């Protein structure tokens, strides 16, 4: 069985995630995601092309927000897909993460 596709694109302006943000895909790519944390006061995480997300994907986004906060960086989740919105509501995390949401679809 092939690994789920997840792409992390880090540039000077944002972290863009594409593909599946799931328990299967995260371990293969995630250490790359921490490089930028100390470099910005606010960092957009673009989720436009995330095709699937599970509870592990929610957990890694929450961890990313926490790690960034400890570095003095505010993470802003942009173009949040409906599936993530639903998972946040079902987990009662929507109110906790509100300040980190922008462009809710």
N, C-alpha and C. Protein backbone atom coordinates (compact mmCIF):
# COMPACT_ATOMS: atom_id res chain seq x y z
N UNK A 1 0.85 -1.18 0.00
CA UNK A 1 0.00 0.00 0.00
C UNK A 1 0.89 1.24 0.00
N UNK A 2 0.57 2.21 -0.83
CA UNK A 2 1.39 3.41 -0.92
C UNK A 2 1.08 4.38 0.21
N UNK A 3 2.06 5.23 0.50
CA UNK A 3 1.88 6.23 1.55
C UNK A 3 0.99 7.34 1.05
N UNK A 4 0.14 7.91 1.93
CA UNK A 4 -0.68 9.05 1.52
C UNK A 4 0.21 10.23 1.15
N UNK A 5 -0.19 10.95 0.14
CA UNK A 5 0.61 12.08 -0.33
C UNK A 5 0.37 13.31 0.53
N UNK A 6 1.44 13.87 1.03
CA UNK A 6 1.41 15.14 1.76
C UNK A 6 2.62 15.93 1.29
N UNK A 7 2.38 17.17 0.94
CA UNK A 7 3.46 18.05 0.51
C UNK A 7 3.50 19.26 1.43
N UNK A 8 4.70 19.59 1.92
CA UNK A 8 4.92 20.80 2.70
C UNK A 8 5.77 21.72 1.85
N UNK A 9 5.25 22.92 1.60
CA UNK A 9 5.99 23.91 0.84
C UNK A 9 6.23 25.10 1.75
N UNK A 10 7.49 25.31 2.12
CA UNK A 10 7.85 26.40 3.02
C UNK A 10 8.60 27.44 2.23
N UNK A 11 8.07 28.67 2.25
CA UNK A 11 8.79 29.75 1.61
C UNK A 11 8.87 30.92 2.60
N UNK A 12 9.28 32.07 2.15
CA UNK A 12 9.48 33.22 3.03
C UNK A 12 8.18 33.78 3.59
N UNK A 13 7.04 33.37 3.02
CA UNK A 13 5.77 33.96 3.42
C UNK A 13 4.81 33.03 4.13
N UNK A 14 4.93 31.71 3.91
CA UNK A 14 3.93 30.80 4.45
C UNK A 14 4.38 29.34 4.40
N UNK A 15 3.64 28.52 5.12
CA UNK A 15 3.75 27.07 5.02
C UNK A 15 2.48 26.62 4.32
N UNK A 16 2.62 25.97 3.18
CA UNK A 16 1.46 25.49 2.43
C UNK A 16 1.44 23.97 2.50
N UNK A 17 0.31 23.43 2.95
CA UNK A 17 0.12 21.98 3.03
C UNK A 17 -0.79 21.55 1.90
N UNK A 18 -0.44 20.46 1.25
CA UNK A 18 -1.25 19.91 0.17
C UNK A 18 -1.34 18.40 0.34
N UNK A 19 -2.52 17.86 0.05
CA UNK A 19 -2.70 16.41 0.13
C UNK A 19 -3.36 16.00 1.43
N UNK A 20 -2.97 14.85 1.93
CA UNK A 20 -3.60 14.25 3.10
C UNK A 20 -2.78 14.53 4.36
N UNK A 21 -3.42 15.18 5.32
CA UNK A 21 -2.80 15.46 6.61
C UNK A 21 -3.37 14.43 7.59
N UNK A 22 -2.73 13.26 7.60
CA UNK A 22 -3.27 12.12 8.34
C UNK A 22 -2.17 11.42 9.15
N UNK A 23 -2.62 10.49 9.96
CA UNK A 23 -1.72 9.69 10.79
C UNK A 23 -0.65 9.01 9.94
N UNK A 24 -1.00 8.60 8.73
CA UNK A 24 -0.05 7.91 7.88
C UNK A 24 0.95 8.86 7.21
N UNK A 25 0.54 10.06 6.90
CA UNK A 25 1.40 10.96 6.13
C UNK A 25 2.30 11.84 6.99
N UNK A 26 1.87 12.18 8.17
CA UNK A 26 2.60 13.15 9.00
C UNK A 26 4.03 12.71 9.34
N UNK A 27 4.25 11.50 9.81
CA UNK A 27 5.63 11.13 10.22
C UNK A 27 6.67 11.22 9.10
N UNK A 28 6.25 11.09 7.87
CA UNK A 28 7.18 11.10 6.75
C UNK A 28 7.66 12.50 6.39
N UNK A 29 6.92 13.52 6.81
CA UNK A 29 7.22 14.87 6.35
C UNK A 29 7.38 15.90 7.45
N UNK A 30 6.91 15.62 8.64
CA UNK A 30 6.73 16.71 9.57
C UNK A 30 7.98 17.38 10.13
N UNK A 31 9.08 16.75 10.35
CA UNK A 31 10.21 17.51 10.91
C UNK A 31 10.55 18.75 10.09
N UNK A 32 10.30 18.70 8.80
CA UNK A 32 10.54 19.85 7.92
C UNK A 32 9.67 21.05 8.31
N UNK A 33 8.53 20.81 8.90
CA UNK A 33 7.59 21.87 9.23
C UNK A 33 8.01 22.80 10.34
N UNK A 34 9.03 22.43 11.12
CA UNK A 34 9.42 23.26 12.26
C UNK A 34 10.50 24.28 11.93
N UNK A 35 11.07 24.25 10.75
CA UNK A 35 12.19 25.12 10.39
C UNK A 35 11.90 26.60 10.54
N UNK A 36 10.73 27.01 10.24
CA UNK A 36 10.41 28.42 10.12
C UNK A 36 9.99 29.07 11.42
N UNK A 37 9.67 28.32 12.46
CA UNK A 37 9.00 28.85 13.64
C UNK A 37 9.72 30.05 14.25
N UNK A 38 11.01 30.00 14.39
CA UNK A 38 11.73 31.09 15.05
C UNK A 38 11.92 32.30 14.14
N UNK A 39 11.50 32.22 12.90
CA UNK A 39 11.80 33.26 11.93
C UNK A 39 10.69 34.29 11.74
N UNK A 40 9.52 34.13 12.33
CA UNK A 40 8.40 35.02 12.03
C UNK A 40 7.57 35.32 13.27
N UNK A 41 6.94 36.50 13.27
CA UNK A 41 5.99 36.84 14.33
C UNK A 41 4.64 36.23 14.07
N UNK A 42 4.25 36.20 12.80
CA UNK A 42 3.00 35.55 12.40
C UNK A 42 3.28 34.72 11.16
N UNK A 43 2.72 33.53 11.12
CA UNK A 43 2.99 32.63 10.02
C UNK A 43 1.70 32.01 9.51
N UNK A 44 1.34 32.27 8.27
CA UNK A 44 0.17 31.62 7.68
C UNK A 44 0.47 30.16 7.34
N UNK A 45 -0.47 29.31 7.64
CA UNK A 45 -0.43 27.91 7.21
C UNK A 45 -1.60 27.75 6.25
N UNK A 46 -1.30 27.59 4.98
CA UNK A 46 -2.31 27.55 3.93
C UNK A 46 -2.80 26.11 3.75
N UNK A 47 -4.10 25.91 3.91
CA UNK A 47 -4.69 24.57 3.87
C UNK A 47 -5.59 24.35 2.65
N UNK A 48 -5.54 25.24 1.68
CA UNK A 48 -6.42 25.18 0.51
C UNK A 48 -6.43 23.82 -0.16
N UNK A 49 -5.26 23.20 -0.30
CA UNK A 49 -5.15 21.95 -1.05
C UNK A 49 -5.08 20.71 -0.17
N UNK A 50 -5.50 20.83 1.08
CA UNK A 50 -5.58 19.65 1.94
C UNK A 50 -6.84 18.88 1.55
N UNK A 51 -6.66 17.66 1.11
CA UNK A 51 -7.77 16.87 0.60
C UNK A 51 -8.40 15.97 1.66
N UNK A 52 -7.65 15.70 2.73
CA UNK A 52 -8.16 14.83 3.80
C UNK A 52 -7.40 15.17 5.07
N UNK A 53 -8.12 15.16 6.19
CA UNK A 53 -7.49 15.39 7.48
C UNK A 53 -8.18 14.51 8.51
N UNK A 54 -7.40 13.94 9.42
CA UNK A 54 -7.98 13.12 10.48
C UNK A 54 -7.58 13.72 11.83
N UNK A 55 -7.87 13.00 12.91
CA UNK A 55 -7.58 13.53 14.24
C UNK A 55 -6.09 13.76 14.45
N UNK A 56 -5.24 12.96 13.83
CA UNK A 56 -3.79 13.19 13.93
C UNK A 56 -3.41 14.49 13.24
N UNK A 57 -4.08 14.81 12.14
CA UNK A 57 -3.85 16.07 11.46
C UNK A 57 -4.24 17.25 12.33
N UNK A 58 -5.37 17.13 13.02
CA UNK A 58 -5.79 18.18 13.96
C UNK A 58 -4.75 18.31 15.07
N UNK A 59 -4.32 17.18 15.60
CA UNK A 59 -3.34 17.20 16.69
C UNK A 59 -2.03 17.87 16.27
N UNK A 60 -1.55 17.59 15.06
CA UNK A 60 -0.29 18.19 14.63
C UNK A 60 -0.46 19.69 14.41
N UNK A 61 -1.61 20.12 13.93
CA UNK A 61 -1.85 21.56 13.79
C UNK A 61 -1.88 22.25 15.15
N UNK A 62 -2.52 21.62 16.13
CA UNK A 62 -2.53 22.17 17.49
C UNK A 62 -1.12 22.22 18.08
N UNK A 63 -0.35 21.18 17.83
CA UNK A 63 1.03 21.14 18.31
C UNK A 63 1.87 22.22 17.63
N UNK A 64 1.65 22.41 16.35
CA UNK A 64 2.33 23.46 15.60
C UNK A 64 2.02 24.83 16.19
N UNK A 65 0.75 25.07 16.49
CA UNK A 65 0.34 26.35 17.10
C UNK A 65 1.02 26.53 18.45
N UNK A 66 1.06 25.48 19.27
CA UNK A 66 1.69 25.55 20.58
C UNK A 66 3.18 25.81 20.48
N UNK A 67 3.86 25.09 19.60
CA UNK A 67 5.30 25.27 19.43
C UNK A 67 5.63 26.67 18.93
N UNK A 68 4.83 27.16 18.00
CA UNK A 68 5.04 28.51 17.48
C UNK A 68 4.83 29.55 18.58
N UNK A 69 3.80 29.37 19.37
CA UNK A 69 3.52 30.31 20.47
C UNK A 69 4.71 30.39 21.43
N UNK A 70 5.32 29.25 21.71
CA UNK A 70 6.48 29.24 22.61
C UNK A 70 7.67 29.98 22.01
N UNK A 71 7.69 30.14 20.68
CA UNK A 71 8.75 30.86 19.99
C UNK A 71 8.35 32.32 19.71
N UNK A 72 7.17 32.73 20.18
CA UNK A 72 6.71 34.09 19.95
C UNK A 72 6.09 34.30 18.58
N UNK A 73 5.61 33.24 17.97
CA UNK A 73 5.04 33.29 16.63
C UNK A 73 3.55 32.92 16.69
N UNK A 74 2.74 33.67 15.97
CA UNK A 74 1.30 33.39 15.88
C UNK A 74 1.01 32.67 14.57
N UNK A 75 0.47 31.46 14.65
CA UNK A 75 0.10 30.69 13.47
C UNK A 75 -1.32 31.06 13.07
N UNK A 76 -1.50 31.30 11.80
CA UNK A 76 -2.81 31.62 11.25
C UNK A 76 -3.17 30.57 10.21
N UNK A 77 -4.19 29.76 10.50
CA UNK A 77 -4.64 28.72 9.58
C UNK A 77 -5.55 29.36 8.53
N UNK A 78 -5.16 29.27 7.28
CA UNK A 78 -5.88 29.92 6.18
C UNK A 78 -6.55 28.90 5.28
N UNK A 79 -7.71 29.28 4.75
CA UNK A 79 -8.48 28.42 3.85
C UNK A 79 -8.76 27.07 4.50
N UNK A 80 -9.33 27.12 5.68
CA UNK A 80 -9.60 25.92 6.47
C UNK A 80 -10.69 25.09 5.79
N UNK A 81 -10.39 23.83 5.44
CA UNK A 81 -11.38 22.99 4.77
C UNK A 81 -12.53 22.59 5.71
N UNK A 82 -13.66 22.28 5.11
CA UNK A 82 -14.84 21.88 5.88
C UNK A 82 -14.57 20.70 6.79
N UNK A 83 -13.79 19.74 6.33
CA UNK A 83 -13.50 18.56 7.14
C UNK A 83 -12.78 18.95 8.43
N UNK A 84 -11.86 19.90 8.37
CA UNK A 84 -11.17 20.36 9.57
C UNK A 84 -12.13 21.12 10.48
N UNK A 85 -12.98 21.95 9.92
CA UNK A 85 -13.97 22.66 10.73
C UNK A 85 -14.85 21.68 11.50
N UNK A 86 -15.28 20.63 10.81
CA UNK A 86 -16.13 19.62 11.45
C UNK A 86 -15.39 18.91 12.58
N UNK A 87 -14.15 18.52 12.34
CA UNK A 87 -13.36 17.84 13.38
C UNK A 87 -13.15 18.75 14.58
N UNK A 88 -12.91 20.03 14.35
CA UNK A 88 -12.73 20.98 15.45
C UNK A 88 -14.00 21.10 16.28
N UNK A 89 -15.15 21.16 15.60
CA UNK A 89 -16.43 21.26 16.32
C UNK A 89 -16.72 19.99 17.11
N UNK A 90 -16.51 18.82 16.49
CA UNK A 90 -16.77 17.55 17.16
C UNK A 90 -15.87 17.35 18.37
N UNK A 91 -14.69 17.93 18.32
CA UNK A 91 -13.72 17.80 19.42
C UNK A 91 -13.83 18.94 20.42
N UNK A 92 -14.79 19.83 20.21
CA UNK A 92 -14.96 21.02 21.05
C UNK A 92 -13.70 21.88 21.08
N UNK A 93 -13.00 21.94 19.96
CA UNK A 93 -11.79 22.74 19.85
C UNK A 93 -12.00 24.01 19.05
N UNK A 94 -13.17 24.17 18.45
CA UNK A 94 -13.40 25.32 17.59
C UNK A 94 -13.25 26.64 18.34
N UNK A 95 -13.70 26.71 19.58
CA UNK A 95 -13.55 27.96 20.34
C UNK A 95 -12.11 28.18 20.80
N UNK A 96 -11.38 27.11 21.02
CA UNK A 96 -9.99 27.20 21.46
C UNK A 96 -9.08 27.72 20.34
N UNK A 97 -9.41 27.38 19.12
CA UNK A 97 -8.52 27.66 18.00
C UNK A 97 -8.99 28.88 17.16
N UNK A 98 -10.09 29.50 17.56
CA UNK A 98 -10.69 30.59 16.79
C UNK A 98 -9.70 31.68 16.41
N UNK A 99 -8.85 32.09 17.33
CA UNK A 99 -7.91 33.17 17.05
C UNK A 99 -6.87 32.79 16.00
N UNK A 100 -6.82 31.52 15.64
CA UNK A 100 -5.84 31.03 14.66
C UNK A 100 -6.48 30.71 13.31
N UNK A 101 -7.75 31.07 13.13
CA UNK A 101 -8.46 30.76 11.90
C UNK A 101 -8.67 32.00 11.04
N UNK A 102 -8.47 31.83 9.74
CA UNK A 102 -8.76 32.88 8.78
C UNK A 102 -9.31 32.22 7.52
N UNK A 103 -10.14 32.93 6.82
CA UNK A 103 -10.68 32.44 5.54
C UNK A 103 -11.35 31.08 5.68
N UNK A 104 -12.25 30.95 6.64
CA UNK A 104 -12.97 29.68 6.80
C UNK A 104 -13.86 29.49 5.60
N UNK A 105 -13.75 28.31 4.95
CA UNK A 105 -14.51 28.01 3.73
C UNK A 105 -15.93 27.61 4.09
